[in-house]
Amino acid sequence: MKLLISFILLTSLSVQAKTFIYCSEGGPSAFNPQITSDGTSSNAAAKTIYDRLVDFKYGSTEIVPSLAESWEISKDKKTYTFKLRKNVSFHQTKYFTPSRTLNADDVIFSFNRQRLKDHPFHKVGGGQYDYFIGMDMGNIIKDISKVDDYTVKITLTKPEAPFIANMAMAFMSILSKEYADQLAKTGKQLDIDHKPIGTGPFVYRKYVKDSMIRYRAHKNYWGAKPKIKNLVFAITTDPHVRYQKLKAGECHLIIEPAPADLALMKKDPNINVISGTGLNVGYLAMNTEKPPFNNLKVRQAINHALNKEAYIKAIYLGNAEAAKNPIPPSLWSYNNQISDYKYDEKKAKSLLAAAGFKNGFKAELWTLPVTRPYNPNGKKMGEMMQADLKKIGIDISIKTFDWPTYLKKSKQGEHQMVQFGWTGDNGDPDNFLHVLLGCTGVKAGSNFARWCDKSFNSLIEKAKTLPSQQERTTLYQKAQFIFKKQAPWVPLAHATIFRAMRKNVSGYKIDPLGHDIFREVELK
């Protein structure tokens, strides 16, 4: 009898050791990183379900081979030839059984869906490819051609310094053309974004909206096999509840622990807390297409009115540094010569009066509905901003939505002022300056200030074409001066990143680009 009980206990522990539970902060808007731009959706799909031609080395921004085992770049820096890895299996699920392995057709399908307006899948799901448009890939890529089943050639219109790094980003994930063809035959094209098929380390199984996502390990994965058999995302929006679940052993790892809970977590013998420098920025964007935020003096007044240091003390509990630029200090080309707008209520009032608003005005502020790396408590920050702006005569009403609605409405420019932030995707300043503040970002929906400054834009466009990092740095630093003077944002903070996990979790590393990656994780 004792032997039977021991066997049952060991079997139970073995099953538990192969199921990893991750308490995430929200639900994805889709399971396809081509059509999403938020970290929540990216975590649910990009590094679990899909692979790309190249990738970032685990825990770093170094580019390494992935689905492409090698690549060559022409002397004029305009042609990239990728050699694909052979025998790469797509996922097999209840809704799709692949008949072949990855080939060039899948790569061309995945990129051309975003690139070509007459592609049969371009308008599926709305046809909005924020990253592809925001990174200006449609204008950068001249042609994509199949040399043979395992060779793809991409020709650019001009040299593009960040191109290889861009290829490692989530939106360049590779989908199955065979699966797309099957969906087209049955009239279920929308399933491509919500019932995903990839080549990644985990296979999608089930999503219960706002509750949980289930995955299983991809047994035929081309790379090192995942060490866990099952992966579960337990969607838990409240950071304090995430901590309670971690403490009770209901989660193995939690995202974005509340700063107020960190001290208790660090004292718990069953919990590990790790931290890293975040490649991020939290900011308040003012919609420069809408009055009165099209008035420079109004934007400058708001920059003087907001007490960033108070926010960092009360909301981040000191685990952040005040931001003055749109890129973090750890990123090359950061301009430390720039002086920030000082917190100065008198100066703010003077600027408002000069702008014609001596008695202030009324405005709406949208606050983040979810915990983000760059802003742990949007509601509380909104209330503090509301109080600061009231001091200079601006009467603020606060509004928010669920996360997918918040993203959709903000991309469409429906806001006046909106809280947002960004974690870098590829370790290149272009990923901040071009995506978030470039003119193409207005159309793409990633430039929430909807600010298109010709002088700023010409600098960042030129920088993209130069191979020399030193030359690019000079241009990016000039662009940061223009940004500071024109003040389309109030840059708020660069936050330290924290993750908390049970002591039996091993193999997890903080990703400088903001993803939670599980292919190396195991339970001891």
Protein backbone atom coordinates (compact mmCIF):
# COMPACT_ATOMS: atom_id res chain seq x y z
CA MET A 1 0.00 0.00 0.00
CA LYS A 2 2.85 2.39 0.92
CA LEU A 3 4.53 1.65 -2.39
CA LEU A 4 1.27 2.46 -4.26
CA ILE A 5 0.87 5.78 -2.41
CA SER A 6 4.50 6.69 -3.10
CA PHE A 7 4.02 5.90 -6.80
CA ILE A 8 0.88 8.09 -6.96
CA LEU A 9 2.66 10.98 -5.24
CA LEU A 10 5.68 10.74 -7.53
CA THR A 11 3.43 10.58 -10.60
CA SER A 12 1.53 13.67 -9.41
CA LEU A 13 4.78 15.59 -8.84
CA SER A 14 6.03 14.53 -12.27
CA VAL A 15 2.88 15.90 -13.95
CA GLN A 16 3.18 19.17 -11.98
CA ALA A 17 6.84 19.51 -12.95
CA LYS A 18 5.88 19.41 -16.61
CA THR A 19 3.11 22.05 -16.40
CA PHE A 20 4.30 25.63 -16.05
CA ILE A 21 1.76 28.27 -14.98
CA TYR A 22 2.48 31.88 -15.87
CA CYS A 23 0.29 34.59 -14.37
CA SER A 24 -0.02 37.16 -17.15
CA GLU A 25 -1.53 40.63 -16.85
CA GLY A 26 -4.09 40.53 -19.66
CA GLY A 27 -5.57 38.68 -22.59
CA PRO A 28 -4.29 38.92 -26.17
CA SER A 29 -6.25 40.72 -28.86
CA ALA A 30 -5.13 38.04 -31.36
CA PHE A 31 -2.64 35.19 -31.73
CA ASN A 32 -0.73 36.65 -34.64
CA PRO A 33 2.06 39.21 -34.07
CA GLN A 34 1.59 40.54 -37.61
CA ILE A 35 -1.60 42.31 -36.51
CA THR A 36 -0.85 43.13 -32.85
CA SER A 37 1.53 45.68 -31.36
CA ASP A 38 1.12 45.26 -27.59
CA GLY A 39 3.37 43.24 -25.30
CA THR A 40 0.48 41.23 -23.88
CA SER A 41 -0.44 39.80 -27.28
CA SER A 42 3.20 39.36 -28.27
CA ASN A 43 3.94 37.29 -25.17
CA ALA A 44 1.00 35.03 -25.97
CA ALA A 45 2.17 34.26 -29.51
CA ALA A 46 5.52 35.58 -30.77
CA LYS A 47 7.93 33.55 -28.67
CA THR A 48 5.62 30.63 -27.94
CA ILE A 49 3.89 29.75 -31.23
CA TYR A 50 6.13 31.28 -33.90
CA ASP A 51 9.72 31.56 -35.12
CA ARG A 52 11.40 34.06 -37.44
CA LEU A 53 14.21 33.86 -39.99
CA VAL A 54 16.58 35.30 -37.38
CA ASP A 55 16.15 35.81 -33.66
CA PHE A 56 17.71 37.43 -30.63
CA LYS A 57 20.00 35.28 -28.51
CA TYR A 58 18.15 34.37 -25.33
CA GLY A 59 18.53 37.20 -22.81
CA SER A 60 20.31 39.59 -25.20
CA THR A 61 19.92 41.71 -28.34
CA GLU A 62 22.50 39.72 -30.32
CA ILE A 63 21.15 38.45 -33.67
CA VAL A 64 21.42 34.68 -34.21
CA PRO A 65 20.17 32.27 -36.93
CA SER A 66 16.72 30.77 -36.51
CA LEU A 67 14.59 29.48 -39.40
CA ALA A 68 17.32 30.84 -41.67
CA GLU A 69 20.51 28.96 -40.87
CA SER A 70 22.57 31.60 -42.72
CA TRP A 71 22.28 34.75 -44.84
CA GLU A 72 24.34 36.87 -47.18
CA ILE A 73 24.24 40.64 -47.75
CA SER A 74 25.22 42.17 -51.10
CA LYS A 75 27.99 44.77 -51.35
CA ASP A 76 25.48 47.56 -51.94
CA LYS A 77 23.60 46.49 -48.76
CA LYS A 78 20.34 46.19 -50.69
CA THR A 79 19.99 42.41 -51.23
CA TYR A 80 19.64 39.82 -48.45
CA THR A 81 19.70 36.13 -49.35
CA PHE A 82 18.45 33.76 -46.65
CA LYS A 83 19.17 30.00 -46.61
CA LEU A 84 16.33 28.22 -44.83
CA ARG A 85 16.74 25.42 -42.34
CA LYS A 86 15.42 22.06 -43.59
CA ASN A 87 13.05 19.65 -41.83
CA VAL A 88 11.28 22.35 -39.78
CA SER A 89 7.86 21.04 -38.74
CA PHE A 90 4.70 23.07 -38.42
CA HIS A 91 2.32 22.40 -35.54
CA GLN A 92 -0.26 19.66 -35.75
CA THR A 93 -3.56 20.45 -34.00
CA LYS A 94 -7.18 19.34 -33.99
CA TYR A 95 -7.86 21.87 -36.75
CA PHE A 96 -4.76 21.39 -38.95
CA THR A 97 -2.42 18.57 -39.98
CA PRO A 98 0.53 19.73 -42.10
CA SER A 99 1.57 17.64 -45.10
CA ARG A 100 5.00 19.25 -45.51
CA THR A 101 7.74 21.08 -43.64
CA LEU A 102 8.66 24.76 -43.83
CA ASN A 103 9.79 26.11 -47.20
CA ALA A 104 10.25 29.41 -49.06
CA ASP A 105 6.52 29.65 -49.86
CA ASP A 106 5.73 30.13 -46.16
CA VAL A 107 8.24 32.97 -45.83
CA ILE A 108 6.95 34.75 -48.93
CA PHE A 109 3.32 34.29 -47.84
CA SER A 110 4.04 35.69 -44.35
CA PHE A 111 5.76 38.82 -45.62
CA ASN A 112 3.61 39.49 -48.67
CA ARG A 113 0.41 39.24 -46.64
CA GLN A 114 1.53 42.44 -44.93
CA ARG A 115 3.27 44.01 -47.92
CA LEU A 116 0.87 43.61 -50.86
CA LYS A 117 -2.57 45.18 -50.78
CA ASP A 118 -3.87 42.75 -53.42
CA HIS A 119 -2.68 39.69 -51.48
CA PRO A 120 -5.66 37.37 -50.76
CA PHE A 121 -5.00 37.55 -47.00
CA HIS A 122 -4.03 41.24 -46.77
CA LYS A 123 -7.48 42.47 -45.72
CA VAL A 124 -8.30 39.46 -43.53
CA GLY A 125 -8.85 40.76 -40.01
CA GLY A 126 -8.94 44.39 -41.14
CA GLY A 127 -5.66 44.72 -43.01
CA GLN A 128 -3.97 46.81 -40.30
CA TYR A 129 -0.30 45.85 -39.85
CA ASP A 130 0.90 48.44 -37.36
CA TYR A 131 4.50 47.30 -37.06
CA PHE A 132 5.01 46.61 -40.76
CA ILE A 133 3.69 50.09 -41.59
CA GLY A 134 5.31 51.78 -38.60
CA MET A 135 8.72 50.32 -39.50
CA ASP A 136 8.12 51.52 -43.09
CA MET A 137 8.75 48.01 -44.40
CA GLY A 138 6.40 48.51 -47.32
CA ASN A 139 8.66 51.23 -48.71
CA ILE A 140 11.91 49.55 -47.66
CA ILE A 141 11.24 46.16 -49.31
CA LYS A 142 11.27 46.31 -53.10
CA ASP A 143 10.82 42.62 -53.83
CA ILE A 144 10.77 39.16 -52.23
CA SER A 145 11.57 36.21 -54.45
CA LYS A 146 11.97 32.45 -54.19
CA VAL A 147 15.34 31.24 -55.47
CA ASP A 148 14.50 27.64 -54.59
CA ASP A 149 12.51 25.81 -51.90
CA TYR A 150 15.06 26.73 -49.24
CA THR A 151 16.39 30.09 -50.45
CA VAL A 152 14.64 33.46 -50.25
CA LYS A 153 15.99 36.73 -51.64
CA ILE A 154 14.79 40.09 -50.30
CA THR A 155 15.70 43.22 -52.26
CA LEU A 156 15.49 46.65 -50.63
CA THR A 157 14.85 50.03 -52.23
CA LYS A 158 17.79 51.51 -50.27
CA PRO A 159 20.28 50.43 -47.60
CA GLU A 160 18.55 49.95 -44.25
CA ALA A 161 20.87 49.72 -41.25
CA PRO A 162 18.34 48.13 -38.83
CA PHE A 163 17.01 45.61 -41.38
CA ILE A 164 18.42 42.38 -39.91
CA ALA A 165 17.38 43.46 -36.40
CA ASN A 166 13.90 44.23 -37.76
CA MET A 167 13.71 40.70 -39.20
CA ALA A 168 14.04 39.31 -35.68
CA MET A 169 11.02 41.27 -34.46
CA ALA A 170 7.72 39.59 -33.67
CA PHE A 171 5.80 40.96 -36.67
CA MET A 172 8.16 39.11 -39.04
CA SER A 173 7.06 35.72 -37.67
CA ILE A 174 6.57 32.92 -40.19
CA LEU A 175 3.10 31.45 -40.72
CA SER A 176 2.02 28.39 -42.70
CA LYS A 177 0.91 29.01 -46.29
CA GLU A 178 -0.55 25.50 -46.44
CA TYR A 179 -2.77 26.31 -43.45
CA ALA A 180 -3.82 29.60 -45.07
CA ASP A 181 -4.75 27.79 -48.27
CA GLN A 182 -6.86 25.32 -46.29
CA LEU A 183 -8.68 28.16 -44.52
CA ALA A 184 -9.34 29.92 -47.83
CA LYS A 185 -10.97 26.79 -49.25
CA THR A 186 -13.34 26.53 -46.28
CA GLY A 187 -14.04 30.26 -45.96
CA LYS A 188 -12.44 30.46 -42.50
CA GLN A 189 -9.64 32.93 -43.27
CA LEU A 190 -10.12 34.78 -39.96
CA ASP A 191 -8.92 31.68 -38.09
CA ILE A 192 -5.35 32.39 -39.20
CA ASP A 193 -5.11 35.10 -36.52
CA HIS A 194 -7.04 33.34 -33.77
CA LYS A 195 -6.36 29.60 -34.24
CA PRO A 196 -2.65 29.85 -34.92
CA ILE A 197 -0.21 27.49 -36.61
CA GLY A 198 3.51 28.14 -36.33
CA THR A 199 6.82 26.33 -36.01
CA GLY A 200 7.61 27.57 -32.48
CA PRO A 201 8.36 25.65 -29.27
CA PHE A 202 4.74 25.53 -28.09
CA VAL A 203 1.50 24.51 -29.80
CA TYR A 204 -1.68 26.49 -29.16
CA ARG A 205 -4.48 24.43 -27.60
CA LYS A 206 -7.20 26.64 -26.14
CA TYR A 207 -8.08 30.20 -25.12
CA VAL A 208 -10.80 31.06 -22.62
CA LYS A 209 -11.19 34.83 -23.00
CA ASP A 210 -9.82 36.85 -20.08
CA SER A 211 -9.22 33.62 -18.14
CA MET A 212 -6.48 31.34 -19.49
CA ILE A 213 -4.50 30.14 -22.50
CA ARG A 214 -3.25 26.57 -22.84
CA TYR A 215 -0.28 25.33 -24.88
CA ARG A 216 1.62 22.07 -25.16
CA ALA A 217 5.25 21.51 -26.08
CA HIS A 218 5.94 21.05 -29.79
CA LYS A 219 7.34 17.51 -29.82
CA ASN A 220 8.84 17.95 -33.31
CA TYR A 221 10.41 21.35 -32.62
CA TRP A 222 13.53 21.87 -34.75
CA GLY A 223 15.53 23.45 -31.90
CA ALA A 224 16.19 22.39 -28.32
CA LYS A 225 12.96 20.84 -27.05
CA PRO A 226 11.06 22.73 -24.31
CA LYS A 227 11.70 21.34 -20.85
CA ILE A 228 8.06 21.69 -19.82
CA LYS A 229 5.27 19.63 -21.34
CA ASN A 230 2.39 22.07 -20.81
CA LEU A 231 2.31 25.86 -20.58
CA VAL A 232 -0.63 27.76 -19.09
CA PHE A 233 -1.19 31.52 -19.08
CA ALA A 234 -3.45 32.30 -16.10
CA ILE A 235 -4.75 35.79 -16.96
CA THR A 236 -4.75 37.86 -13.77
CA THR A 237 -5.10 41.60 -14.25
CA ASP A 238 -4.58 42.70 -10.63
CA PRO A 239 -0.86 42.60 -9.66
CA HIS A 240 -1.67 42.02 -5.98
CA VAL A 241 -3.79 38.99 -6.90
CA ARG A 242 -0.89 37.72 -9.05
CA TYR A 243 1.31 37.90 -5.97
CA GLN A 244 -1.22 36.00 -3.85
CA LYS A 245 -1.39 33.28 -6.51
CA LEU A 246 2.39 33.06 -6.61
CA LYS A 247 2.55 32.87 -2.83
CA ALA A 248 -0.06 30.08 -2.79
CA GLY A 249 1.80 28.13 -5.47
CA GLU A 250 -0.96 28.67 -8.06
CA CYS A 251 1.54 30.38 -10.40
CA HIS A 252 5.18 29.60 -11.07
CA LEU A 253 6.06 33.03 -12.47
CA ILE A 254 4.29 36.39 -12.49
CA ILE A 255 4.69 39.40 -14.75
CA GLU A 256 4.93 42.98 -13.45
CA PRO A 257 4.75 42.50 -9.67
CA ALA A 258 3.35 45.55 -7.91
CA PRO A 259 6.19 47.70 -6.48
CA ALA A 260 4.42 47.67 -3.11
CA ASP A 261 4.68 43.86 -2.97
CA LEU A 262 8.38 43.56 -3.84
CA ALA A 263 9.72 43.84 -0.26
CA LEU A 264 7.47 41.01 0.99
CA MET A 265 8.32 38.84 -2.02
CA LYS A 266 12.04 39.23 -1.37
CA LYS A 267 11.56 38.01 2.21
CA ASP A 268 9.61 34.91 1.16
CA PRO A 269 11.88 31.82 1.21
CA ASN A 270 9.82 30.20 -1.59
CA ILE A 271 10.07 33.13 -4.03
CA ASN A 272 12.85 34.54 -6.18
CA VAL A 273 12.69 38.13 -7.38
CA ILE A 274 14.94 39.13 -10.27
CA SER A 275 15.38 42.52 -11.92
CA GLY A 276 16.95 44.07 -14.98
CA THR A 277 17.46 47.41 -16.69
CA GLY A 278 14.42 48.03 -18.82
CA LEU A 279 14.83 49.15 -22.43
CA ASN A 280 11.65 51.15 -21.99
CA VAL A 281 9.99 54.51 -21.65
CA GLY A 282 6.64 55.47 -20.15
CA TYR A 283 5.07 58.66 -21.48
CA LEU A 284 2.01 60.87 -21.79
CA ALA A 285 1.17 61.58 -25.44
CA MET A 286 -0.74 64.71 -26.42
CA ASN A 287 -2.73 64.46 -29.63
CA THR A 288 -1.16 67.27 -31.69
CA GLU A 289 -3.95 67.02 -34.29
CA LYS A 290 -6.52 68.21 -31.74
CA PRO A 291 -6.75 71.66 -30.14
CA PRO A 292 -5.48 72.87 -27.77
CA PHE A 293 -2.66 70.30 -28.03
CA ASN A 294 -1.72 71.57 -31.48
CA ASN A 295 -0.42 74.63 -29.59
CA LEU A 296 3.27 74.25 -28.68
CA LYS A 297 3.01 76.45 -25.58
CA VAL A 298 0.19 74.27 -24.21
CA ARG A 299 2.35 71.15 -24.64
CA GLN A 300 5.31 72.85 -22.99
CA ALA A 301 3.10 74.04 -20.12
CA ILE A 302 1.96 70.48 -19.44
CA ASN A 303 5.60 69.31 -19.46
CA HIS A 304 6.33 71.87 -16.72
CA ALA A 305 3.16 71.01 -14.76
CA LEU A 306 3.67 67.27 -14.19
CA ASN A 307 5.73 66.21 -11.18
CA LYS A 308 7.60 63.15 -12.49
CA GLU A 309 9.67 62.67 -9.34
CA ALA A 310 6.48 62.41 -7.27
CA TYR A 311 5.15 59.74 -9.65
CA ILE A 312 8.37 57.74 -9.44
CA LYS A 313 8.27 57.87 -5.64
CA ALA A 314 4.58 57.02 -5.26
CA ILE A 315 3.94 54.65 -8.18
CA TYR A 316 7.28 53.01 -9.00
CA LEU A 317 8.46 53.23 -5.35
CA GLY A 318 11.76 54.52 -6.64
CA ASN A 319 12.31 51.65 -9.09
CA ALA A 320 12.62 53.94 -12.11
CA GLU A 321 14.44 57.05 -13.26
CA ALA A 322 12.83 60.19 -14.63
CA ALA A 323 12.76 60.31 -18.43
CA LYS A 324 13.70 63.35 -20.48
CA ASN A 325 14.21 61.73 -23.89
CA PRO A 326 12.04 59.32 -25.92
CA ILE A 327 14.73 56.60 -25.73
CA PRO A 328 16.21 54.99 -22.60
CA PRO A 329 19.72 55.91 -21.34
CA SER A 330 21.01 52.35 -21.97
CA LEU A 331 20.39 52.69 -25.74
CA TRP A 332 23.17 53.98 -27.97
CA SER A 333 22.66 57.55 -29.30
CA TYR A 334 20.92 58.70 -26.06
CA ASN A 335 21.47 62.46 -25.82
CA ASN A 336 22.51 63.33 -22.29
CA GLN A 337 23.13 66.99 -23.23
CA ILE A 338 19.40 67.67 -23.30
CA SER A 339 17.87 69.49 -20.32
CA ASP A 340 14.45 68.43 -19.13
CA TYR A 341 11.48 70.71 -18.49
CA LYS A 342 11.63 71.45 -14.77
CA TYR A 343 8.57 70.95 -12.60
CA ASP A 344 7.49 74.58 -12.35
CA GLU A 345 3.86 75.51 -11.70
CA LYS A 346 4.49 79.25 -12.23
CA LYS A 347 6.19 78.67 -15.59
CA ALA A 348 3.38 76.34 -16.68
CA LYS A 349 0.73 78.98 -15.90
CA SER A 350 2.73 81.62 -17.78
CA LEU A 351 2.95 79.43 -20.89
CA LEU A 352 -0.78 78.66 -20.75
CA ALA A 353 -1.59 82.36 -20.55
CA ALA A 354 0.73 83.08 -23.50
CA ALA A 355 -1.11 80.36 -25.43
CA GLY A 356 -4.42 82.13 -24.82
CA PHE A 357 -5.63 79.92 -21.96
CA LYS A 358 -5.20 82.18 -18.93
CA ASN A 359 -8.23 80.53 -17.31
CA GLY A 360 -7.22 77.03 -18.39
CA PHE A 361 -9.44 74.57 -20.26
CA LYS A 362 -11.12 71.17 -19.95
CA ALA A 363 -9.59 67.99 -21.38
CA GLU A 364 -9.80 64.21 -21.22
CA LEU A 365 -7.00 61.91 -20.11
CA TRP A 366 -7.01 58.18 -20.90
CA THR A 367 -5.26 56.01 -18.31
CA LEU A 368 -3.72 52.59 -18.90
CA PRO A 369 -6.10 49.77 -17.92
CA VAL A 370 -3.34 47.15 -17.46
CA THR A 371 -0.04 46.90 -15.64
CA ARG A 372 2.80 47.58 -18.06
CA PRO A 373 6.58 47.43 -17.55
CA TYR A 374 6.80 51.19 -18.05
CA ASN A 375 3.78 52.07 -15.88
CA PRO A 376 2.70 49.82 -12.98
CA ASN A 377 -0.46 51.78 -12.11
CA GLY A 378 -2.04 53.93 -14.82
CA LYS A 379 -5.09 54.83 -12.74
CA LYS A 380 -3.10 56.17 -9.80
CA MET A 381 -0.76 58.06 -12.11
CA GLY A 382 -3.78 59.54 -13.89
CA GLU A 383 -5.18 60.79 -10.60
CA MET A 384 -1.85 62.41 -9.71
CA MET A 385 -1.66 64.02 -13.17
CA GLN A 386 -5.22 65.26 -12.74
CA ALA A 387 -4.25 66.97 -9.47
CA ASP A 388 -1.10 68.51 -10.98
CA LEU A 389 -2.93 69.91 -13.99
CA LYS A 390 -5.73 71.31 -11.85
CA LYS A 391 -3.13 73.53 -10.16
CA ILE A 392 -2.54 75.35 -13.46
CA GLY A 393 -6.21 75.54 -14.42
CA ILE A 394 -6.59 72.46 -16.63
CA ASP A 395 -9.70 70.52 -15.61
CA ILE A 396 -9.06 66.85 -16.42
CA SER A 397 -11.65 64.08 -16.67
CA ILE A 398 -10.20 60.56 -16.53
CA LYS A 399 -11.34 57.76 -18.81
CA THR A 400 -10.21 54.23 -19.64
CA PHE A 401 -11.33 51.09 -21.51
CA ASP A 402 -10.49 47.42 -21.61
CA TRP A 403 -7.03 46.86 -23.14
CA PRO A 404 -8.01 45.87 -26.72
CA THR A 405 -10.44 48.81 -26.94
CA TYR A 406 -7.87 51.18 -25.45
CA LEU A 407 -5.37 50.15 -28.13
CA LYS A 408 -7.89 50.38 -30.97
CA LYS A 409 -9.23 53.81 -30.05
CA SER A 410 -5.77 55.24 -29.40
CA LYS A 411 -4.47 54.00 -32.76
CA GLN A 412 -7.39 55.76 -34.43
CA GLY A 413 -6.49 59.03 -32.69
CA GLU A 414 -9.72 59.39 -30.70
CA HIS A 415 -7.91 60.61 -27.56
CA GLN A 416 -6.75 64.03 -26.40
CA MET A 417 -4.13 62.84 -23.89
CA VAL A 418 -3.22 59.20 -23.41
CA GLN A 419 -0.81 57.22 -21.24
CA PHE A 420 1.44 54.87 -23.13
CA GLY A 421 4.94 53.49 -23.20
CA TRP A 422 7.28 51.28 -25.14
CA THR A 423 9.77 48.50 -24.62
CA GLY A 424 12.35 48.29 -27.40
CA ASP A 425 11.98 45.45 -29.88
CA ASN A 426 15.43 45.24 -31.45
CA GLY A 427 18.02 47.31 -29.58
CA ASP A 428 18.05 50.04 -32.25
CA PRO A 429 17.05 53.70 -31.66
CA ASP A 430 15.06 53.55 -34.90
CA ASN A 431 12.62 51.26 -33.10
CA PHE A 432 11.70 54.12 -30.75
CA LEU A 433 12.18 57.25 -32.84
CA HIS A 434 10.77 56.05 -36.15
CA VAL A 435 7.95 53.83 -34.85
CA LEU A 436 6.70 56.11 -32.08
CA LEU A 437 7.41 59.56 -33.49
CA GLY A 438 7.96 59.24 -37.24
CA CYS A 439 5.43 60.43 -39.80
CA THR A 440 4.68 56.89 -40.99
CA GLY A 441 3.77 56.03 -37.40
CA VAL A 442 0.79 58.40 -37.60
CA LYS A 443 -0.71 56.30 -40.39
CA ALA A 444 0.34 53.05 -38.73
CA GLY A 445 -1.31 54.02 -35.43
CA SER A 446 1.91 53.71 -33.39
CA ASN A 447 2.54 57.48 -33.13
CA PHE A 448 -0.02 58.34 -30.45
CA ALA A 449 0.96 62.03 -30.43
CA ARG A 450 0.09 62.02 -34.14
CA TRP A 451 3.07 64.35 -34.50
CA CYS A 452 4.73 64.67 -37.91
CA ASP A 453 7.65 67.09 -37.84
CA LYS A 454 9.50 67.37 -41.17
CA SER A 455 12.88 68.28 -39.66
CA PHE A 456 12.71 65.45 -37.11
CA ASN A 457 11.49 62.97 -39.70
CA SER A 458 14.20 63.78 -42.26
CA LEU A 459 16.91 63.13 -39.64
CA ILE A 460 15.60 59.73 -38.60
CA GLU A 461 14.92 58.70 -42.20
CA LYS A 462 18.49 59.56 -43.20
CA ALA A 463 19.92 57.77 -40.14
CA LYS A 464 18.30 54.51 -41.22
CA THR A 465 20.32 54.46 -44.46
CA LEU A 466 23.78 54.91 -42.91
CA PRO A 467 26.00 51.93 -42.00
CA SER A 468 28.08 53.87 -39.46
CA GLN A 469 26.71 53.86 -35.92
CA GLN A 470 28.65 57.05 -35.18
CA GLU A 471 27.00 58.90 -38.07
CA ARG A 472 23.59 57.58 -37.09
CA THR A 473 24.19 58.68 -33.49
CA THR A 474 24.84 62.28 -34.60
CA LEU A 475 21.53 62.41 -36.45
CA TYR A 476 19.52 60.74 -33.68
CA GLN A 477 20.92 63.15 -31.10
CA LYS A 478 19.87 66.12 -33.24
CA ALA A 479 16.41 64.59 -33.58
CA GLN A 480 16.10 64.33 -29.80
CA PHE A 481 16.68 68.10 -29.50
CA ILE A 482 13.79 68.74 -31.90
CA PHE A 483 11.57 66.33 -29.97
CA LYS A 484 12.37 68.09 -26.71
CA LYS A 485 11.61 71.56 -28.05
CA GLN A 486 8.36 70.51 -29.78
CA ALA A 487 7.17 68.47 -26.74
CA PRO A 488 4.61 66.06 -28.29
CA TRP A 489 5.03 63.89 -25.17
CA VAL A 490 5.80 64.22 -21.54
CA PRO A 491 8.43 61.46 -21.17
CA LEU A 492 7.80 60.11 -17.67
CA ALA A 493 10.02 57.23 -16.58
CA HIS A 494 12.40 54.43 -17.50
CA ALA A 495 11.37 51.58 -15.22
CA THR A 496 13.40 48.75 -13.75
CA ILE A 497 11.95 45.40 -14.82
CA PHE A 498 11.01 42.81 -12.18
CA ARG A 499 9.85 39.22 -12.36
CA ALA A 500 8.92 37.02 -9.40
CA MET A 501 8.89 33.22 -9.47
CA ARG A 502 8.78 30.15 -7.29
CA LYS A 503 12.17 28.89 -6.11
CA ASN A 504 11.82 25.68 -8.16
CA VAL A 505 11.83 27.64 -11.45
CA SER A 506 15.11 27.54 -13.35
CA GLY A 507 16.31 28.63 -16.77
CA TYR A 508 14.34 31.88 -16.90
CA LYS A 509 16.09 35.08 -18.02
CA ILE A 510 14.74 38.63 -18.19
CA ASP A 511 14.54 39.59 -21.85
CA PRO A 512 15.85 43.14 -22.46
CA LEU A 513 13.25 43.44 -25.23
CA GLY A 514 10.34 42.78 -22.89
CA HIS A 515 9.21 39.25 -23.77
CA ASP A 516 8.65 36.38 -21.37
CA ILE A 517 10.28 33.36 -22.99
CA PHE A 518 9.56 29.81 -21.80
CA ARG A 519 11.44 27.44 -24.11
CA GLU A 520 14.40 27.24 -21.68
CA VAL A 521 12.36 27.20 -18.47
CA GLU A 522 11.98 24.12 -16.27
CA LEU A 523 10.62 23.16 -12.87
CA LYS A 524 13.01 21.43 -10.49
